[in-house]
Amino acid sequence: MADTVAQLDVRGVYNILATPFTEIGDVDVASIRSLVEGVLASGVDGLTVLGVAGEAHKLTVEERSLVAEEVIKVTNGRVPVIVGASYNDLSVAVTAIRDAANGGAAGVMVAPPKGSTAGSELTEYYRRIADDGGLPIVLQDYPAATGVSLTPEEMADLLAAVPQITTIKLESLPTPVRIAKTLGLVPQGTAIVGGMGGMYLLDELRHGAAGTMTGFSYSEALRDIYGAWRDGNVDVAKSTYAKYLRLLVFEGQVGVGLAIRKELLRRRGFIAHAGLRSPGDQLDDLTAADLTELLADLGLSPNG
């Protein structure tokens, strides 16, 4: 297990893929392929599939397997692929992780089961999926989706007890402060990445984040911000962040944000249809018009 864990080093920009659907709501396999190619062309360091932004909670177990298999196949080892495997049922989670391992995933992202709290039961849950699943784990800290809030101290205790957790995806506000505090408590070498659509990326990097894992539709913007920061070009990182901030905020709107993101992916030619699987907010005409104006203001063509 130690050798497997050492192979996962989550740094840079990992794009959380949307799940494209056809007009009648089926998983769109052709669009999965074009989406993967489009995102890889933006220069990301890795892909994450079946996250909250991938509408994983709306997919059947069979559909989840289909999406993960297709993404891994198309990626073909060019970057690591992390597969979301958040389930309340331990046995289902273990099965999904084993399938991901057999399929070639580099790791899995697992959120605490809904209704759980820090302590021995949660620690045992992660210990079991680590030992029985056989892949390094990204701990997804996202209380807005799971209803589970973990303090930096509780996350540090969990990582100390389960060393197969090598990364934290931290999305509880304020993320920059919580990243800094958590980094001071977790084992040496733990990577903490932000999310939240990339809205707080610059300050997260300032406070020690190893990168970001999010589905923002222009991954190349996040790549440029991270790359400039990593190379010590702070002014470039700041100016690039400032350039895209309006779009980061616009796409990050609660409720309609994923619909905006999928519409941007459609306009870029990455997916054929922008619809969310029900239930989910669809893009209204006013917001679509605002999006068109914003892209023009930023000098971003539909394909660029």
Protein backbone atom coordinates (compact mmCIF):
# COMPACT_ATOMS: atom_id res chain seq x y z
CA MET A 1 0.00 0.00 0.00
CA ALA A 2 2.77 2.46 0.78
CA ASP A 3 4.09 2.30 -2.78
CA THR A 4 0.61 2.93 -4.19
CA VAL A 5 0.02 5.92 -1.95
CA ALA A 6 3.34 7.48 -2.92
CA GLN A 7 2.32 7.53 -6.58
CA LEU A 8 -0.46 10.10 -6.08
CA ASP A 9 0.85 13.66 -5.85
CA VAL A 10 -2.04 16.04 -6.46
CA ARG A 11 -0.56 19.38 -7.45
CA GLY A 12 -1.49 21.97 -10.02
CA VAL A 13 -4.87 22.13 -11.72
CA TYR A 14 -7.21 19.14 -11.71
CA ASN A 15 -10.41 19.67 -13.66
CA ILE A 16 -13.57 18.12 -12.26
CA LEU A 17 -15.41 17.01 -15.35
CA ALA A 18 -19.06 17.76 -15.92
CA THR A 19 -21.19 14.82 -17.00
CA PRO A 20 -22.73 15.54 -20.41
CA PHE A 21 -26.20 14.31 -21.19
CA THR A 22 -28.13 13.93 -24.44
CA GLU A 23 -31.28 15.93 -25.10
CA ILE A 24 -33.34 13.10 -23.58
CA GLY A 25 -31.15 12.87 -20.48
CA ASP A 26 -28.96 9.85 -21.21
CA VAL A 27 -25.22 9.91 -20.56
CA ASP A 28 -23.62 11.30 -23.72
CA VAL A 29 -20.57 9.10 -24.34
CA ALA A 30 -19.49 11.00 -27.46
CA SER A 31 -19.46 14.24 -25.51
CA ILE A 32 -17.46 12.63 -22.71
CA ARG A 33 -14.76 11.92 -25.27
CA SER A 34 -14.75 15.45 -26.71
CA LEU A 35 -14.87 16.97 -23.22
CA VAL A 36 -11.84 15.01 -22.06
CA GLU A 37 -9.88 16.01 -25.17
CA GLY A 38 -10.87 19.67 -24.80
CA VAL A 39 -9.94 19.86 -21.14
CA LEU A 40 -6.64 18.02 -21.68
CA ALA A 41 -5.78 20.50 -24.41
CA SER A 42 -6.08 23.30 -21.85
CA GLY A 43 -3.02 21.90 -20.07
CA VAL A 44 -4.44 20.52 -16.84
CA ASP A 45 -2.36 18.36 -14.52
CA GLY A 46 -5.11 15.84 -13.88
CA LEU A 47 -8.80 15.01 -14.15
CA THR A 48 -11.41 14.21 -11.53
CA VAL A 49 -14.62 12.52 -12.51
CA LEU A 50 -17.90 11.87 -10.66
CA GLY A 51 -17.71 14.82 -8.30
CA VAL A 52 -20.63 16.97 -7.19
CA ALA A 53 -20.10 19.11 -10.30
CA GLY A 54 -20.33 15.91 -12.32
CA GLU A 55 -23.86 15.29 -11.00
CA ALA A 56 -22.67 11.95 -9.67
CA HIS A 57 -25.55 11.86 -7.20
CA LYS A 58 -27.97 11.75 -10.16
CA LEU A 59 -26.29 8.77 -11.84
CA THR A 60 -26.96 5.09 -11.32
CA VAL A 61 -24.10 2.87 -10.20
CA GLU A 62 -23.89 1.51 -13.74
CA GLU A 63 -23.77 5.02 -15.22
CA ARG A 64 -21.01 6.00 -12.82
CA SER A 65 -18.97 3.02 -13.96
CA LEU A 66 -19.60 3.91 -17.61
CA VAL A 67 -18.47 7.53 -17.13
CA ALA A 68 -15.34 6.58 -15.18
CA GLU A 69 -14.34 3.87 -17.65
CA GLU A 70 -14.78 6.17 -20.63
CA VAL A 71 -12.79 9.03 -19.08
CA ILE A 72 -9.91 6.74 -18.12
CA LYS A 73 -9.91 5.13 -21.55
CA VAL A 74 -9.84 8.43 -23.45
CA THR A 75 -7.25 9.96 -21.13
CA ASN A 76 -5.03 6.93 -21.78
CA GLY A 77 -2.48 7.75 -19.10
CA ARG A 78 -1.76 11.30 -20.26
CA VAL A 79 -2.64 12.67 -16.81
CA PRO A 80 -3.81 11.03 -13.58
CA VAL A 81 -7.55 10.42 -13.24
CA ILE A 82 -9.18 10.56 -9.80
CA VAL A 83 -12.60 8.93 -9.53
CA GLY A 84 -15.28 10.13 -7.14
CA ALA A 85 -16.52 7.33 -4.90
CA SER A 86 -18.64 9.01 -2.25
CA TYR A 87 -21.31 6.65 -0.96
CA ASN A 88 -23.06 6.35 2.37
CA ASP A 89 -22.90 2.55 2.11
CA LEU A 90 -19.43 1.24 2.91
CA SER A 91 -19.72 -1.90 0.79
CA VAL A 92 -20.87 0.08 -2.26
CA ALA A 93 -17.98 2.51 -1.79
CA VAL A 94 -15.44 -0.31 -1.55
CA THR A 95 -16.80 -1.95 -4.70
CA ALA A 96 -16.65 1.34 -6.59
CA ILE A 97 -13.06 1.95 -5.47
CA ARG A 98 -11.98 -1.55 -6.47
CA ASP A 99 -13.57 -1.02 -9.88
CA ALA A 100 -11.75 2.29 -10.21
CA ALA A 101 -8.45 0.64 -9.28
CA ASN A 102 -8.98 -2.16 -11.79
CA GLY A 103 -9.86 0.42 -14.43
CA GLY A 104 -6.66 2.39 -14.01
CA ALA A 105 -7.63 5.27 -11.72
CA ALA A 106 -4.78 7.02 -9.91
CA GLY A 107 -6.87 7.63 -6.80
CA VAL A 108 -10.36 8.22 -5.47
CA MET A 109 -12.15 11.19 -3.97
CA VAL A 110 -14.37 10.31 -1.02
CA ALA A 111 -16.53 12.62 1.10
CA PRO A 112 -17.68 11.65 4.59
CA PRO A 113 -21.02 9.81 4.55
CA LYS A 114 -23.96 12.14 5.11
CA GLY A 115 -24.88 12.47 8.76
CA SER A 116 -21.48 11.29 9.99
CA THR A 117 -19.35 13.07 12.57
CA ALA A 118 -15.67 12.98 13.41
CA GLY A 119 -14.65 10.08 15.60
CA SER A 120 -14.03 6.37 15.59
CA GLU A 121 -16.86 5.45 13.19
CA LEU A 122 -15.74 7.90 10.51
CA THR A 123 -12.12 6.86 10.97
CA GLU A 124 -13.11 3.20 10.57
CA TYR A 125 -15.07 4.05 7.41
CA TYR A 126 -12.00 5.58 5.78
CA ARG A 127 -9.70 2.87 7.10
CA ARG A 128 -11.90 0.21 5.52
CA ILE A 129 -12.14 1.90 2.12
CA ALA A 130 -8.38 2.45 2.18
CA ASP A 131 -7.51 -1.14 3.08
CA ASP A 132 -10.22 -2.85 1.02
CA GLY A 133 -10.30 -0.44 -1.92
CA GLY A 134 -6.58 -0.27 -2.57
CA LEU A 135 -6.21 3.31 -3.85
CA PRO A 136 -4.89 6.55 -2.34
CA ILE A 137 -7.68 8.83 -1.18
CA VAL A 138 -8.58 12.48 -1.62
CA LEU A 139 -10.67 13.55 1.39
CA GLN A 140 -13.44 15.78 0.08
CA ASP A 141 -14.28 18.43 2.67
CA TYR A 142 -17.43 20.03 1.27
CA PRO A 143 -20.03 20.67 3.99
CA ALA A 144 -22.39 22.48 1.60
CA ALA A 145 -22.99 19.20 -0.22
CA THR A 146 -22.50 16.62 2.53
CA GLY A 147 -23.73 18.41 5.63
CA VAL A 148 -20.61 17.16 7.41
CA SER A 149 -18.29 19.78 8.90
CA LEU A 150 -14.79 18.74 10.00
CA THR A 151 -12.44 21.06 11.84
CA PRO A 152 -8.78 21.26 10.83
CA GLU A 153 -7.95 19.29 13.98
CA GLU A 154 -10.46 16.57 13.09
CA MET A 155 -9.11 16.28 9.55
CA ALA A 156 -5.56 16.04 10.91
CA ASP A 157 -6.60 13.25 13.28
CA LEU A 158 -8.26 11.40 10.41
CA LEU A 159 -5.18 11.66 8.20
CA ALA A 160 -2.91 10.49 11.02
CA ALA A 161 -5.10 7.42 11.49
CA VAL A 162 -5.49 6.67 7.76
CA PRO A 163 -2.22 7.45 5.92
CA GLN A 164 -3.75 6.42 2.60
CA ILE A 165 -5.51 9.82 2.66
CA THR A 166 -2.84 11.83 0.86
CA THR A 167 -4.82 14.88 -0.20
CA ILE A 168 -7.57 17.12 1.15
CA LYS A 169 -9.92 18.94 -1.21
CA LEU A 170 -10.93 21.75 1.09
CA GLU A 171 -14.10 23.69 0.31
CA SER A 172 -15.33 25.07 3.61
CA LEU A 173 -15.13 28.84 3.84
CA PRO A 174 -12.96 30.76 4.40
CA THR A 175 -10.78 28.40 2.40
CA PRO A 176 -7.47 30.34 2.53
CA VAL A 177 -7.49 30.52 6.33
CA ARG A 178 -8.59 26.91 6.75
CA ILE A 179 -5.93 25.72 4.32
CA ALA A 180 -3.21 27.51 6.28
CA LYS A 181 -4.44 26.18 9.60
CA THR A 182 -4.91 22.62 8.37
CA LEU A 183 -1.47 22.52 6.73
CA GLY A 184 0.05 23.22 10.11
CA LEU A 185 -1.58 20.11 11.57
CA VAL A 186 -1.54 17.39 8.91
CA PRO A 187 1.36 14.99 8.17
CA GLN A 188 4.28 16.33 6.18
CA GLY A 189 3.73 16.03 2.43
CA THR A 190 -0.06 16.21 2.54
CA ALA A 191 -1.41 18.19 -0.39
CA ILE A 192 -4.35 20.50 0.19
CA VAL A 193 -6.16 21.83 -2.87
CA GLY A 194 -9.00 24.29 -3.16
CA GLY A 195 -12.13 24.14 -5.23
CA MET A 196 -15.15 26.45 -5.15
CA GLY A 197 -14.94 27.06 -8.88
CA GLY A 198 -11.49 28.61 -8.51
CA MET A 199 -12.93 31.83 -7.06
CA TYR A 200 -10.43 31.94 -4.20
CA LEU A 201 -7.46 30.36 -5.98
CA LEU A 202 -5.01 33.24 -5.61
CA ASP A 203 -5.43 33.54 -1.85
CA GLU A 204 -5.47 29.77 -1.46
CA LEU A 205 -2.08 29.61 -3.17
CA ARG A 206 -0.82 32.41 -0.92
CA HIS A 207 -1.67 30.27 2.09
CA GLY A 208 -0.04 27.06 0.89
CA ALA A 209 -2.53 25.32 -1.40
CA ALA A 210 -0.94 22.80 -3.76
CA GLY A 211 -3.35 23.82 -6.51
CA THR A 212 -7.03 23.50 -7.22
CA MET A 213 -9.52 20.79 -8.14
CA THR A 214 -12.56 22.33 -9.73
CA GLY A 215 -14.68 22.28 -12.86
CA PHE A 216 -14.26 25.90 -14.00
CA SER A 217 -14.91 25.99 -17.73
CA TYR A 218 -11.65 27.75 -18.65
CA SER A 219 -9.05 25.51 -17.06
CA GLU A 220 -6.29 27.30 -18.94
CA ALA A 221 -6.96 30.40 -16.83
CA LEU A 222 -6.42 28.45 -13.62
CA ARG A 223 -3.38 26.80 -15.17
CA ASP A 224 -1.88 30.20 -15.97
CA ILE A 225 -2.57 31.54 -12.47
CA TYR A 226 -1.07 28.48 -10.81
CA GLY A 227 1.90 28.32 -13.17
CA ALA A 228 2.80 31.97 -12.68
CA TRP A 229 2.53 31.63 -8.91
CA ARG A 230 4.61 28.45 -8.87
CA ASP A 231 7.32 30.13 -10.92
CA GLY A 232 7.43 33.19 -8.68
CA ASN A 233 5.73 35.52 -11.17
CA VAL A 234 3.36 36.94 -8.58
CA ASP A 235 2.32 39.98 -10.60
CA VAL A 236 1.38 37.78 -13.56
CA ALA A 237 -0.62 35.49 -11.28
CA LYS A 238 -2.47 38.49 -9.85
CA SER A 239 -3.20 40.09 -13.22
CA THR A 240 -4.41 36.81 -14.72
CA TYR A 241 -6.65 36.20 -11.72
CA ALA A 242 -8.03 39.73 -12.03
CA LYS A 243 -8.74 39.21 -15.73
CA TYR A 244 -10.91 36.15 -15.13
CA LEU A 245 -12.44 37.15 -11.80
CA ARG A 246 -15.76 38.32 -13.27
CA LEU A 247 -16.17 34.99 -15.06
CA LEU A 248 -15.15 33.01 -11.98
CA VAL A 249 -17.80 34.82 -9.95
CA PHE A 250 -20.44 34.61 -12.68
CA GLU A 251 -19.95 30.87 -13.12
CA GLY A 252 -19.84 30.41 -9.35
CA GLN A 253 -23.42 31.56 -8.77
CA VAL A 254 -25.27 29.31 -6.34
CA GLY A 255 -28.00 27.31 -8.01
CA VAL A 256 -27.48 28.21 -11.65
CA GLY A 257 -23.67 27.92 -11.67
CA LEU A 258 -23.47 24.42 -13.10
CA ALA A 259 -25.92 25.32 -15.85
CA ILE A 260 -23.68 28.28 -16.77
CA ARG A 261 -20.62 26.03 -16.75
CA LYS A 262 -22.21 23.45 -19.02
CA GLU A 263 -23.40 26.16 -21.40
CA LEU A 264 -19.83 27.47 -21.61
CA LEU A 265 -18.58 23.96 -22.32
CA ARG A 266 -21.20 23.67 -25.05
CA ARG A 267 -20.22 26.99 -26.60
CA ARG A 268 -16.58 25.88 -26.56
CA GLY A 269 -17.54 22.77 -28.49
CA PHE A 270 -16.58 20.41 -25.66
CA ILE A 271 -20.09 18.95 -25.21
CA ALA A 272 -23.13 18.77 -27.49
CA HIS A 273 -25.84 19.70 -25.00
CA ALA A 274 -25.77 21.87 -21.87
CA GLY A 275 -28.70 20.41 -19.98
CA LEU A 276 -28.53 19.18 -16.40
CA ARG A 277 -30.25 15.98 -15.37
CA SER A 278 -33.37 16.72 -13.32
CA PRO A 279 -33.58 18.05 -10.69
CA GLY A 280 -31.36 20.95 -11.55
CA ASP A 281 -31.57 24.59 -12.60
CA GLN A 282 -31.54 25.17 -16.34
CA LEU A 283 -30.09 28.29 -17.94
CA ASP A 284 -32.62 31.09 -18.42
CA ASP A 285 -32.53 33.51 -21.36
CA LEU A 286 -31.50 36.55 -19.29
CA THR A 287 -28.51 34.78 -17.74
CA ALA A 288 -27.52 33.40 -21.15
CA ALA A 289 -27.55 36.93 -22.59
CA ASP A 290 -25.48 38.21 -19.67
CA LEU A 291 -23.00 35.42 -20.30
CA THR A 292 -22.67 36.40 -23.96
CA GLU A 293 -21.96 40.00 -22.98
CA LEU A 294 -19.43 38.96 -20.35
CA LEU A 295 -17.50 36.79 -22.80
CA ALA A 296 -17.38 39.69 -25.24
CA ASP A 297 -16.10 42.01 -22.50
CA LEU A 298 -13.33 39.55 -21.71
CA GLY A 299 -12.44 38.99 -25.35
CA LEU A 300 -13.25 35.29 -25.14
CA SER A 301 -14.68 33.82 -28.32
CA PRO A 302 -17.16 30.92 -28.06
CA ASN A 303 -14.36 28.56 -29.08
CA GLY A 304 -11.50 30.15 -27.14
